[in-house]
Amino acid sequence: MTAANDRVGAVVTGLGTCLPEAVVTNDEVSRHLDTDHAWIHSRTGIERRRRVSEGTGTGDLAVAAGAAALKSAGRDGCDLVLLATTTPDRRCPATAPWVASQLGLAAAAFDLSAVCSGFVYGLTVASSMITAGSCDRALVIGADAYSSIVDPDDRTTAVVFGDGAGAVLLERGRTSDPGAVLHTELGSDGTGDDLITIPPRGEYLTMRGSDVYSRAVTTMTESARSVAGKVGWDMADVDAFVGHQANIRILKSVAKRLGLPPERVISNIADVGNTAAASIPLALADAATEGRIGTGDRLILTAFGGGLTWGSAAVVWSGAEPVHEVRD
């Protein structure tokens, strides 16, 4: 970022996660389904996922991840809590105000629903509010407990989704600062609203996997390339691609189309499955912990989800040290 383009912006200063303690392997999932570990792993890349225990909800995961992000940044408060989720604890009211209260905050708080694109949508909204002067510090949390909306007898969804939460703290800074969110782009296509949905009066999530696959690959590729171009990056300039962890084959296909080598593609889907809105911050945190991303690295974050919705962000990594929490 040149001095001429330096401006007020949102900067990532903290990163936190929370995963349920219970691990569910492919073998355990397969016990009452017509499938096995080899089939699940070959088609999704997933080996295990986490599941919340009875009495633990999305809000509980969000509180722990939010507290971890604040601890990572060395802060004790913020003036906005934005919770991206498809699985709020109640239909009304929103879960975010309760999360804020549990964190000891009297901040503005609201939920945002964009399914698996929720974190990128939330990052965009919070960054825009900071840049506009509506707030100075924002906690963006992606949290989902999909085990509450997935039919355990549906092989299409039961093998894919896991529970978890990830959060970042954004603060007012400059676009020349490490951690700067340089540009985001969002999109949607409501004509595909039946591809990933809970039908009216339905209880469980349904997904048309093959249709989602083809749309996701094409859309994520175009979105990632577009946001990189808006900040003047060639794909050769991108140090890491952090895509929504929906399916390892989707991630590999998008990376191939973008011309990115495997070592630049961040994935933790084998260990946590598809955690919906929590997917990208969880992958970011694992990459940072493992030393796969470092201060000053150029990152492209890209997601695709129900709605249909999608979004991408160009971020220069801050070097924030993640704080990880486990919830029983």
Protein backbone atom coordinates (compact mmCIF):
# COMPACT_ATOMS: atom_id res chain seq x y z
CA MET A 1 0.00 0.00 0.00
CA THR A 2 1.61 3.28 -1.11
CA ALA A 3 1.54 6.40 1.04
CA ALA A 4 -0.80 8.03 -1.49
CA ASN A 5 -3.35 5.26 -0.90
CA ASP A 6 -2.92 5.13 2.88
CA ARG A 7 -6.22 5.88 4.57
CA VAL A 8 -8.31 5.12 7.62
CA GLY A 9 -9.32 1.49 7.74
CA ALA A 10 -10.06 -1.55 9.88
CA VAL A 11 -7.18 -3.64 11.19
CA VAL A 12 -7.27 -7.18 12.62
CA THR A 13 -5.60 -7.07 16.05
CA GLY A 14 -6.90 -10.24 17.71
CA LEU A 15 -7.94 -13.77 16.76
CA GLY A 16 -9.69 -16.37 18.90
CA THR A 17 -11.40 -19.73 18.52
CA CYS A 18 -13.59 -22.14 20.42
CA LEU A 19 -14.23 -25.78 19.54
CA PRO A 20 -16.39 -28.26 21.42
CA GLU A 21 -14.46 -30.91 23.29
CA ALA A 22 -16.31 -33.85 21.73
CA VAL A 23 -14.67 -35.26 18.60
CA VAL A 24 -16.78 -37.33 16.20
CA THR A 25 -14.80 -39.45 13.76
CA ASN A 26 -15.94 -40.70 10.36
CA ASP A 27 -16.24 -44.19 11.80
CA GLU A 28 -18.64 -42.93 14.46
CA VAL A 29 -20.75 -41.04 11.91
CA SER A 30 -20.86 -44.15 9.71
CA ARG A 31 -22.37 -46.41 12.35
CA HIS A 32 -25.94 -45.61 11.31
CA LEU A 33 -25.33 -44.43 7.74
CA ASP A 34 -24.64 -46.26 4.48
CA THR A 35 -21.07 -45.00 4.27
CA ASP A 36 -17.59 -45.43 5.74
CA HIS A 37 -14.42 -43.45 6.47
CA ALA A 38 -12.93 -44.02 3.01
CA TRP A 39 -16.04 -42.76 1.21
CA ILE A 40 -16.36 -39.64 3.40
CA HIS A 41 -12.67 -38.76 3.25
CA SER A 42 -12.31 -39.28 -0.49
CA ARG A 43 -15.26 -37.01 -1.28
CA THR A 44 -14.87 -34.31 1.36
CA GLY A 45 -11.40 -34.47 2.89
CA ILE A 46 -13.00 -34.70 6.35
CA GLU A 47 -11.71 -37.14 8.97
CA ARG A 48 -13.40 -35.81 12.11
CA ARG A 49 -15.56 -32.97 13.34
CA ARG A 50 -16.55 -31.43 16.71
CA ARG A 51 -20.01 -31.57 18.27
CA VAL A 52 -21.48 -29.53 21.09
CA SER A 53 -22.76 -31.36 24.14
CA GLU A 54 -26.37 -31.12 25.26
CA GLY A 55 -27.06 -27.72 26.80
CA THR A 56 -24.29 -25.94 24.86
CA GLY A 57 -25.42 -23.57 22.12
CA THR A 58 -24.05 -21.23 19.49
CA GLY A 59 -23.96 -18.38 21.99
CA ASP A 60 -21.71 -20.33 24.35
CA LEU A 61 -19.21 -21.00 21.56
CA ALA A 62 -19.39 -17.35 20.47
CA VAL A 63 -18.71 -16.04 23.98
CA ALA A 64 -15.60 -18.21 24.32
CA ALA A 65 -14.26 -17.30 20.87
CA GLY A 66 -14.99 -13.61 21.42
CA ALA A 67 -13.22 -13.61 24.78
CA ALA A 68 -10.26 -15.38 23.16
CA ALA A 69 -10.04 -12.74 20.40
CA LEU A 70 -10.08 -9.93 22.98
CA LYS A 71 -7.36 -11.70 24.95
CA SER A 72 -5.31 -12.17 21.78
CA ALA A 73 -5.48 -8.42 21.14
CA GLY A 74 -4.84 -7.48 24.77
CA ARG A 75 -8.15 -5.61 24.95
CA ASP A 76 -11.00 -5.79 27.44
CA GLY A 77 -13.81 -4.30 25.37
CA CYS A 78 -15.25 -3.08 22.10
CA ASP A 79 -18.20 -1.02 20.91
CA LEU A 80 -19.69 -3.52 18.43
CA VAL A 81 -20.37 -7.26 18.60
CA LEU A 82 -21.41 -8.79 15.29
CA LEU A 83 -22.35 -12.47 15.31
CA ALA A 84 -22.53 -14.28 11.98
CA THR A 85 -24.57 -17.45 12.41
CA THR A 86 -27.23 -19.68 10.88
CA THR A 87 -27.97 -21.36 14.19
CA PRO A 88 -28.95 -18.63 16.67
CA ASP A 89 -29.97 -19.92 20.07
CA ARG A 90 -33.45 -18.45 19.58
CA ARG A 91 -35.41 -17.13 16.63
CA CYS A 92 -36.02 -13.98 18.68
CA PRO A 93 -34.21 -12.09 20.07
CA ALA A 94 -30.81 -12.15 18.37
CA THR A 95 -28.02 -14.05 20.12
CA ALA A 96 -25.39 -11.28 19.83
CA PRO A 97 -26.73 -9.07 22.65
CA TRP A 98 -26.57 -12.02 25.04
CA VAL A 99 -23.02 -12.74 23.86
CA ALA A 100 -22.06 -9.11 24.49
CA SER A 101 -23.55 -9.22 27.98
CA GLN A 102 -21.64 -12.39 28.83
CA LEU A 103 -18.46 -10.61 27.77
CA GLY A 104 -19.33 -7.72 30.08
CA LEU A 105 -19.97 -5.34 27.19
CA ALA A 106 -22.68 -2.75 26.71
CA ALA A 107 -21.87 -2.62 23.00
CA ALA A 108 -24.09 -2.46 19.94
CA ALA A 109 -24.80 -6.07 19.03
CA PHE A 110 -26.64 -7.89 16.26
CA ASP A 111 -26.77 -11.17 14.35
CA LEU A 112 -26.04 -11.50 10.65
CA SER A 113 -27.28 -14.39 8.52
CA ALA A 114 -25.39 -15.24 5.34
CA VAL A 115 -24.84 -18.95 6.03
CA CYS A 116 -21.28 -20.05 5.17
CA SER A 117 -20.41 -16.60 3.82
CA GLY A 118 -21.38 -15.05 7.15
CA PHE A 119 -17.89 -14.28 8.42
CA VAL A 120 -16.85 -12.42 5.26
CA TYR A 121 -20.16 -10.55 5.29
CA GLY A 122 -19.57 -9.67 8.94
CA LEU A 123 -16.00 -8.58 8.26
CA THR A 124 -17.29 -6.30 5.52
CA VAL A 125 -20.02 -4.72 7.65
CA ALA A 126 -17.79 -4.17 10.67
CA SER A 127 -14.90 -2.82 8.58
CA SER A 128 -17.25 -0.39 6.85
CA MET A 129 -18.65 0.81 10.17
CA ILE A 130 -15.16 1.42 11.52
CA THR A 131 -14.10 3.27 8.38
CA ALA A 132 -17.27 5.38 8.50
CA GLY A 133 -16.64 6.30 12.13
CA SER A 134 -19.67 4.43 13.52
CA CYS A 135 -17.45 2.45 15.87
CA ASP A 136 -13.80 2.18 16.82
CA ARG A 137 -13.45 -1.46 17.77
CA ALA A 138 -15.55 -4.40 16.58
CA LEU A 139 -15.70 -8.05 17.52
CA VAL A 140 -16.68 -10.15 14.50
CA ILE A 141 -17.66 -13.69 15.48
CA GLY A 142 -18.55 -16.58 13.20
CA ALA A 143 -20.25 -19.32 15.22
CA ASP A 144 -22.46 -22.24 14.31
CA ALA A 145 -23.76 -25.41 15.92
CA TYR A 146 -24.95 -27.21 12.79
CA SER A 147 -25.53 -30.40 14.73
CA SER A 148 -28.77 -28.70 15.84
CA ILE A 149 -30.10 -28.46 12.26
CA VAL A 150 -28.54 -31.47 10.53
CA ASP A 151 -30.46 -34.73 10.12
CA PRO A 152 -28.17 -37.44 11.53
CA ASP A 153 -29.65 -39.87 9.00
CA ASP A 154 -28.90 -37.69 5.94
CA ARG A 155 -25.60 -38.79 4.43
CA THR A 156 -25.37 -35.60 2.36
CA THR A 157 -25.14 -33.35 5.41
CA ALA A 158 -24.41 -35.47 8.48
CA VAL A 159 -20.89 -36.34 7.35
CA VAL A 160 -20.00 -32.76 6.41
CA PHE A 161 -20.86 -30.32 9.17
CA GLY A 162 -19.19 -29.64 12.50
CA ASP A 163 -19.67 -27.14 15.32
CA GLY A 164 -17.34 -24.31 16.30
CA ALA A 165 -16.64 -20.60 16.55
CA GLY A 166 -13.94 -18.18 15.47
CA ALA A 167 -13.60 -14.44 16.05
CA VAL A 168 -11.46 -11.47 15.13
CA LEU A 169 -11.13 -8.10 16.80
CA LEU A 170 -11.05 -5.19 14.36
CA GLU A 171 -9.77 -1.76 15.36
CA ARG A 172 -9.51 1.60 13.67
CA GLY A 173 -6.13 1.99 12.00
CA ARG A 174 -4.56 2.73 8.64
CA THR A 175 -4.61 0.65 5.49
CA SER A 176 -0.81 0.67 5.64
CA ASP A 177 -0.90 -1.17 8.99
CA PRO A 178 -0.28 -4.93 9.28
CA GLY A 179 -3.69 -6.53 9.67
CA ALA A 180 -5.46 -4.09 7.38
CA VAL A 181 -8.63 -5.21 5.63
CA LEU A 182 -7.85 -3.62 2.27
CA HIS A 183 -10.96 -4.48 0.26
CA THR A 184 -14.01 -6.74 0.39
CA GLU A 185 -16.61 -7.74 -2.16
CA LEU A 186 -19.94 -9.46 -1.61
CA GLY A 187 -22.53 -11.03 -3.88
CA SER A 188 -25.70 -13.10 -3.94
CA ASP A 189 -28.03 -14.99 -6.26
CA GLY A 190 -31.42 -15.72 -4.76
CA THR A 191 -32.42 -17.91 -7.70
CA GLY A 192 -30.33 -20.61 -6.01
CA ASP A 193 -32.00 -20.31 -2.63
CA ASP A 194 -33.17 -23.93 -2.73
CA LEU A 195 -29.67 -25.43 -3.03
CA ILE A 196 -28.87 -25.07 0.68
CA THR A 197 -31.97 -24.55 2.78
CA ILE A 198 -34.22 -25.47 5.66
CA PRO A 199 -37.60 -25.66 3.90
CA PRO A 200 -40.57 -23.76 5.30
CA ARG A 201 -41.82 -25.65 8.35
CA GLY A 202 -38.87 -27.99 7.92
CA GLU A 203 -36.68 -29.15 10.78
CA TYR A 204 -33.42 -30.04 9.06
CA LEU A 205 -31.02 -28.54 6.57
CA THR A 206 -31.08 -29.93 3.03
CA MET A 207 -28.34 -29.53 0.44
CA ARG A 208 -28.04 -30.37 -3.26
CA GLY A 209 -24.37 -31.23 -3.12
CA SER A 210 -23.44 -31.59 -6.80
CA ASP A 211 -25.13 -28.32 -7.76
CA VAL A 212 -23.48 -26.52 -4.84
CA TYR A 213 -20.08 -27.89 -5.83
CA SER A 214 -20.12 -26.51 -9.36
CA ARG A 215 -21.48 -23.12 -8.32
CA ALA A 216 -19.03 -22.83 -5.45
CA VAL A 217 -15.94 -23.51 -7.56
CA THR A 218 -16.85 -21.03 -10.26
CA THR A 219 -18.05 -18.29 -7.92
CA MET A 220 -15.22 -18.53 -5.39
CA THR A 221 -12.66 -18.40 -8.20
CA GLU A 222 -14.21 -15.30 -9.76
CA SER A 223 -14.68 -13.58 -6.40
CA ALA A 224 -11.11 -14.23 -5.25
CA ARG A 225 -9.64 -13.03 -8.52
CA SER A 226 -11.81 -9.90 -8.47
CA VAL A 227 -10.90 -8.80 -4.94
CA ALA A 228 -7.20 -9.41 -5.58
CA GLY A 229 -7.39 -7.28 -8.70
CA LYS A 230 -9.07 -4.43 -6.82
CA VAL A 231 -6.02 -4.07 -4.55
CA GLY A 232 -3.54 -4.55 -7.39
CA TRP A 233 -2.42 -8.08 -6.52
CA ASP A 234 -1.59 -10.76 -9.03
CA MET A 235 -2.23 -14.26 -7.76
CA ALA A 236 1.55 -14.70 -7.62
CA ASP A 237 1.52 -11.96 -4.93
CA VAL A 238 -0.89 -13.89 -2.69
CA ASP A 239 0.86 -15.67 0.18
CA ALA A 240 -2.16 -17.66 1.36
CA PHE A 241 -5.65 -18.47 0.15
CA VAL A 242 -8.09 -19.07 3.01
CA GLY A 243 -11.29 -20.41 1.53
CA HIS A 244 -14.45 -21.58 3.26
CA GLN A 245 -13.81 -25.14 4.39
CA ALA A 246 -16.75 -26.78 2.66
CA ASN A 247 -15.01 -29.57 0.80
CA ILE A 248 -11.33 -30.24 0.06
CA ARG A 249 -12.11 -30.87 -3.60
CA ILE A 250 -13.68 -27.41 -3.89
CA LEU A 251 -10.61 -25.81 -2.33
CA LYS A 252 -8.24 -27.69 -4.63
CA SER A 253 -10.29 -26.87 -7.73
CA VAL A 254 -10.45 -23.16 -6.87
CA ALA A 255 -6.70 -23.08 -6.17
CA LYS A 256 -5.96 -24.77 -9.47
CA ARG A 257 -8.06 -22.27 -11.40
CA LEU A 258 -6.31 -19.41 -9.59
CA GLY A 259 -2.89 -20.88 -10.30
CA LEU A 260 -2.03 -21.21 -6.60
CA PRO A 261 0.32 -24.01 -5.46
CA PRO A 262 -0.94 -26.38 -2.74
CA GLU A 263 1.36 -24.91 -0.07
CA ARG A 264 -0.48 -21.58 -0.32
CA VAL A 265 -3.90 -23.13 0.27
CA ILE A 266 -4.96 -23.16 3.93
CA SER A 267 -7.13 -26.07 5.01
CA ASN A 268 -8.14 -27.58 8.34
CA ILE A 269 -11.27 -29.34 7.08
CA ALA A 270 -9.84 -32.77 7.92
CA ASP A 271 -9.98 -31.96 11.63
CA VAL A 272 -13.12 -29.82 12.00
CA GLY A 273 -15.33 -30.39 8.96
CA ASN A 274 -17.50 -27.64 7.54
CA THR A 275 -18.13 -25.22 10.41
CA ALA A 276 -20.14 -22.74 8.30
CA ALA A 277 -19.64 -19.14 9.48
CA ALA A 278 -16.81 -20.23 11.80
CA SER A 279 -14.89 -21.84 8.96
CA ILE A 280 -12.58 -19.02 7.84
CA PRO A 281 -11.54 -17.68 11.27
CA LEU A 282 -10.88 -21.25 12.47
CA ALA A 283 -8.70 -21.91 9.42
CA LEU A 284 -6.91 -18.58 9.91
CA ALA A 285 -6.18 -19.39 13.53
CA ASP A 286 -4.80 -22.83 12.76
CA ALA A 287 -2.61 -21.40 9.98
CA ALA A 288 -1.25 -18.70 12.29
CA THR A 289 -0.58 -21.20 15.09
CA GLU A 290 1.25 -23.51 12.69
CA GLY A 291 3.33 -20.64 11.27
CA ARG A 292 1.84 -20.95 7.79
CA ILE A 293 0.98 -17.24 7.75
CA GLY A 294 2.99 -14.41 9.26
CA THR A 295 3.10 -10.65 9.67
CA GLY A 296 2.76 -8.85 6.35
CA ASP A 297 1.52 -11.86 4.38
CA ARG A 298 -1.07 -11.12 1.72
CA LEU A 299 -4.22 -13.16 2.25
CA ILE A 300 -7.34 -13.73 0.18
CA LEU A 301 -10.35 -14.92 2.19
CA THR A 302 -13.19 -16.35 0.11
CA ALA A 303 -16.51 -17.94 1.05
CA PHE A 304 -19.62 -19.33 -0.62
CA GLY A 305 -22.83 -20.38 1.06
CA GLY A 306 -26.58 -20.65 1.07
CA GLY A 307 -28.65 -17.82 -0.21
CA LEU A 308 -26.79 -18.13 -2.48
CA THR A 309 -24.19 -15.78 -1.03
CA TRP A 310 -20.48 -15.26 -1.51
CA GLY A 311 -17.73 -12.85 -0.62
CA SER A 312 -14.00 -12.25 -0.58
CA ALA A 313 -11.59 -10.06 1.35
CA ALA A 314 -7.99 -8.95 0.76
CA VAL A 315 -6.17 -8.74 4.09
CA VAL A 316 -2.54 -8.11 5.04
CA TRP A 317 -1.95 -10.35 8.04
CA SER A 318 -1.15 -8.67 11.35
CA GLY A 319 0.77 -11.46 13.03
CA ALA A 320 -1.86 -11.69 15.77
CA GLU A 321 -1.25 -14.73 17.98
CA PRO A 322 -4.44 -16.80 18.19
CA VAL A 323 -5.96 -17.87 21.49
CA HIS A 324 -7.73 -21.23 21.38
CA GLU A 325 -10.47 -22.36 23.76
CA VAL A 326 -12.29 -25.68 24.17
CA ARG A 327 -15.88 -25.97 25.41
CA ASP A 328 -17.31 -29.16 26.89
